[in-house]
Amino acid sequence: MEKGKTVQHLINKEWCKGCGICIHFCPKKVLEFDGDGKADAVRPEDCIACRLCELRCPDLAIQIIEQDGENE
């Protein structure tokens, strides 16, 4: 991820079935299960926007949005 960019994790909790695939594939351990057994971005500042979670999710329940921090 480029400097000055922030990453937002859009997780559709209704679509997430709690399989944990996104959590397993995240190289920076950004994702964990929440109290309902669904994926949650607990360390979004560590995200490198590799999109492995987005690509591996069988239910298309997670989307990564990169935002340019300079334009905010």
Protein backbone atom coordinates (compact mmCIF):
# COMPACT_ATOMS: atom_id res chain seq x y z
CA MET A 1 0.00 0.00 0.00
CA GLU A 2 1.25 3.47 -0.85
CA LYS A 3 2.03 5.99 1.84
CA GLY A 4 -0.76 8.43 2.62
CA LYS A 5 -3.48 5.92 1.79
CA THR A 6 -6.02 4.49 4.19
CA VAL A 7 -7.92 1.24 3.82
CA GLN A 8 -11.55 0.68 4.69
CA HIS A 9 -12.96 -2.82 5.18
CA LEU A 10 -16.58 -3.13 4.16
CA ILE A 11 -17.87 -6.36 5.70
CA ASN A 12 -21.45 -7.39 5.01
CA LYS A 13 -22.33 -9.15 8.27
CA GLU A 14 -25.50 -10.61 6.72
CA TRP A 15 -23.51 -12.34 3.98
CA CYS A 16 -20.60 -13.42 6.22
CA LYS A 17 -21.11 -16.99 7.40
CA GLY A 18 -18.08 -16.95 9.71
CA CYS A 19 -16.02 -19.48 7.78
CA GLY A 20 -12.75 -17.73 8.73
CA ILE A 21 -11.12 -17.99 5.30
CA CYS A 22 -10.42 -14.23 5.21
CA ILE A 23 -8.94 -14.37 8.71
CA HIS A 24 -6.70 -17.29 7.77
CA PHE A 25 -5.34 -15.67 4.59
CA CYS A 26 -4.69 -12.19 6.02
CA PRO A 27 -0.88 -11.83 6.17
CA LYS A 28 -1.03 -8.97 8.69
CA LYS A 29 -3.66 -10.48 11.03
CA VAL A 30 -5.99 -7.52 10.49
CA LEU A 31 -9.14 -9.63 10.73
CA GLU A 32 -10.59 -11.54 13.68
CA PHE A 33 -13.97 -12.98 14.63
CA ASP A 34 -16.35 -10.59 16.39
CA GLY A 35 -18.71 -11.61 19.20
CA ASP A 36 -21.19 -13.00 16.67
CA GLY A 37 -18.61 -15.19 14.94
CA LYS A 38 -18.36 -12.90 11.92
CA ALA A 39 -15.22 -11.33 10.42
CA ASP A 40 -14.21 -7.93 11.74
CA ALA A 41 -11.26 -5.64 10.93
CA VAL A 42 -9.70 -5.18 14.36
CA ARG A 43 -6.38 -3.72 13.13
CA PRO A 44 -7.23 -1.82 9.90
CA GLU A 45 -4.14 0.37 10.28
CA ASP A 46 -1.98 -2.75 9.66
CA CYS A 47 -3.71 -3.59 6.36
CA ILE A 48 -1.46 -3.61 3.28
CA ALA A 49 -4.45 -3.81 0.87
CA CYS A 50 -3.34 -7.14 -0.62
CA ARG A 51 -7.04 -8.00 -1.03
CA LEU A 52 -6.54 -11.68 -0.19
CA CYS A 53 -9.57 -11.52 2.10
CA GLU A 54 -11.69 -10.03 -0.65
CA LEU A 55 -10.48 -12.53 -3.26
CA ARG A 56 -10.86 -15.61 -1.05
CA CYS A 57 -14.26 -14.86 0.52
CA PRO A 58 -16.68 -17.44 -0.95
CA ASP A 59 -19.68 -15.23 -0.12
CA LEU A 60 -18.30 -11.90 -1.42
CA ALA A 61 -18.92 -10.47 2.04
CA ILE A 62 -15.80 -8.31 2.28
CA GLN A 63 -14.66 -5.41 0.12
CA ILE A 64 -11.48 -3.37 0.45
CA ILE A 65 -11.65 0.34 -0.33
CA GLU A 66 -8.40 2.29 -0.64
CA GLN A 67 -8.67 6.00 0.00
CA ASP A 68 -6.05 8.59 -0.82
CA GLY A 69 -5.34 10.37 2.47
CA GLU A 70 -4.17 13.56 0.73
CA ASN A 71 -7.58 14.33 -0.77
CA GLU A 72 -9.50 14.20 2.49
